[in-house]
Amino acid sequence: MAPQISYTATKNPIKKKLSFIEGGHQLEKLEFALAVAQTKGDEEKSLVLRKKIIELGGNVEEPGT
């Protein structure tokens, strides 16, 4: 009898990386919206956007990287 090789597929490892990229893109959009709101002097909108940025984990990268 030939040896049997078992294979268990891993759960989509790419999904984690894609979700990180999508989250990073969403973070960039929120930061841009925050900059626009601050430029216009809209404190209420700025506060809401800051909370959303914190919920996403904030910006863990240094600027320009």
C-alpha atoms as a PDB file:
ATOM      1  CA  MET A   1       0.000   0.000   0.000  1.00  0.00           C
ATOM      2  CA  ALA A   2       1.373   3.434  -0.959  1.00  0.00           C
ATOM      3  CA  PRO A   3       1.848   5.997   1.790  1.00  0.00           C
ATOM      4  CA  GLN A   4      -0.959   8.490   1.999  1.00  0.00           C
ATOM      5  CA  ILE A   5      -0.151  12.192   2.078  1.00  0.00           C
ATOM      6  CA  SER A   6      -2.651  14.377   3.830  1.00  0.00           C
ATOM      7  CA  TYR A   7      -3.131  17.975   2.903  1.00  0.00           C
ATOM      8  CA  THR A   8      -5.061  20.560   4.852  1.00  0.00           C
ATOM      9  CA  ALA A   9      -5.576  23.813   3.059  1.00  0.00           C
ATOM     10  CA  THR A  10      -4.886  26.942   5.021  1.00  0.00           C
ATOM     11  CA  LYS A  11      -7.593  29.532   5.220  1.00  0.00           C
ATOM     12  CA  ASN A  12      -6.954  32.139   2.559  1.00  0.00           C
ATOM     13  CA  PRO A  13      -3.646  33.672   3.779  1.00  0.00           C
ATOM     14  CA  ILE A  14      -3.896  36.400   1.148  1.00  0.00           C
ATOM     15  CA  LYS A  15      -7.101  37.766   2.657  1.00  0.00           C
ATOM     16  CA  LYS A  16      -5.242  39.045   5.730  1.00  0.00           C
ATOM     17  CA  LYS A  17      -2.771  40.929   3.566  1.00  0.00           C
ATOM     18  CA  LEU A  18      -5.530  42.371   1.371  1.00  0.00           C
ATOM     19  CA  SER A  19      -7.523  43.497   4.384  1.00  0.00           C
ATOM     20  CA  PHE A  20      -4.411  45.278   5.666  1.00  0.00           C
ATOM     21  CA  ILE A  21      -3.980  47.032   2.335  1.00  0.00           C
ATOM     22  CA  GLU A  22      -7.664  47.977   2.197  1.00  0.00           C
ATOM     23  CA  GLY A  23      -7.480  49.238   5.778  1.00  0.00           C
ATOM     24  CA  GLY A  24      -4.424  51.292   4.886  1.00  0.00           C
ATOM     25  CA  HIS A  25      -6.241  52.784   1.920  1.00  0.00           C
ATOM     26  CA  GLN A  26      -9.250  53.608   4.099  1.00  0.00           C
ATOM     27  CA  LEU A  27      -6.913  55.206   6.637  1.00  0.00           C
ATOM     28  CA  GLU A  28      -5.366  57.394   3.930  1.00  0.00           C
ATOM     29  CA  LYS A  29      -8.810  58.530   2.803  1.00  0.00           C
ATOM     30  CA  LEU A  30      -9.808  59.413   6.373  1.00  0.00           C
ATOM     31  CA  GLU A  31      -6.565  61.320   6.943  1.00  0.00           C
ATOM     32  CA  PHE A  32      -7.121  63.297   3.762  1.00  0.00           C
ATOM     33  CA  ALA A  33     -10.697  64.078   4.789  1.00  0.00           C
ATOM     34  CA  LEU A  34      -9.395  65.156   8.198  1.00  0.00           C
ATOM     35  CA  ALA A  35      -6.899  67.519   6.571  1.00  0.00           C
ATOM     36  CA  VAL A  36      -9.674  69.042   4.446  1.00  0.00           C
ATOM     37  CA  ALA A  37     -11.971  69.429   7.474  1.00  0.00           C
ATOM     38  CA  GLN A  38      -9.206  71.087   9.484  1.00  0.00           C
ATOM     39  CA  THR A  39      -8.429  73.443   6.613  1.00  0.00           C
ATOM     40  CA  LYS A  40     -12.096  74.472   6.487  1.00  0.00           C
ATOM     41  CA  GLY A  41     -12.167  74.848  10.271  1.00  0.00           C
ATOM     42  CA  ASP A  42     -14.869  72.202  10.767  1.00  0.00           C
ATOM     43  CA  GLU A  43     -14.113  71.039  14.315  1.00  0.00           C
ATOM     44  CA  GLU A  44     -17.112  68.698  14.584  1.00  0.00           C
ATOM     45  CA  LYS A  45     -16.183  66.801  11.416  1.00  0.00           C
ATOM     46  CA  SER A  46     -12.525  66.744  12.487  1.00  0.00           C
ATOM     47  CA  LEU A  47     -13.449  65.111  15.779  1.00  0.00           C
ATOM     48  CA  VAL A  48     -15.551  62.433  14.043  1.00  0.00           C
ATOM     49  CA  LEU A  49     -12.749  61.695  11.573  1.00  0.00           C
ATOM     50  CA  ARG A  50     -10.132  61.471  14.343  1.00  0.00           C
ATOM     51  CA  LYS A  51     -12.304  58.895  16.145  1.00  0.00           C
ATOM     52  CA  LYS A  52     -12.619  56.834  12.949  1.00  0.00           C
ATOM     53  CA  ILE A  53      -8.840  56.959  12.423  1.00  0.00           C
ATOM     54  CA  ILE A  54      -8.285  55.737  15.980  1.00  0.00           C
ATOM     55  CA  GLU A  55     -10.804  52.903  15.429  1.00  0.00           C
ATOM     56  CA  LEU A  56      -8.769  51.740  12.426  1.00  0.00           C
ATOM     57  CA  GLY A  57      -5.662  51.686  14.597  1.00  0.00           C
ATOM     58  CA  GLY A  58      -4.192  55.039  13.672  1.00  0.00           C
ATOM     59  CA  ASN A  59      -1.260  55.477  11.378  1.00  0.00           C
ATOM     60  CA  VAL A  60       1.464  52.982  12.342  1.00  0.00           C
ATOM     61  CA  GLU A  61       3.792  54.057   9.548  1.00  0.00           C
ATOM     62  CA  GLU A  62       6.023  57.054   9.585  1.00  0.00           C
ATOM     63  CA  PRO A  63       5.040  59.824   7.151  1.00  0.00           C
ATOM     64  CA  GLY A  64       6.452  59.291   3.688  1.00  0.00           C
ATOM     65  CA  THR A  65       7.030  55.540   4.031  1.00  0.00           C
END
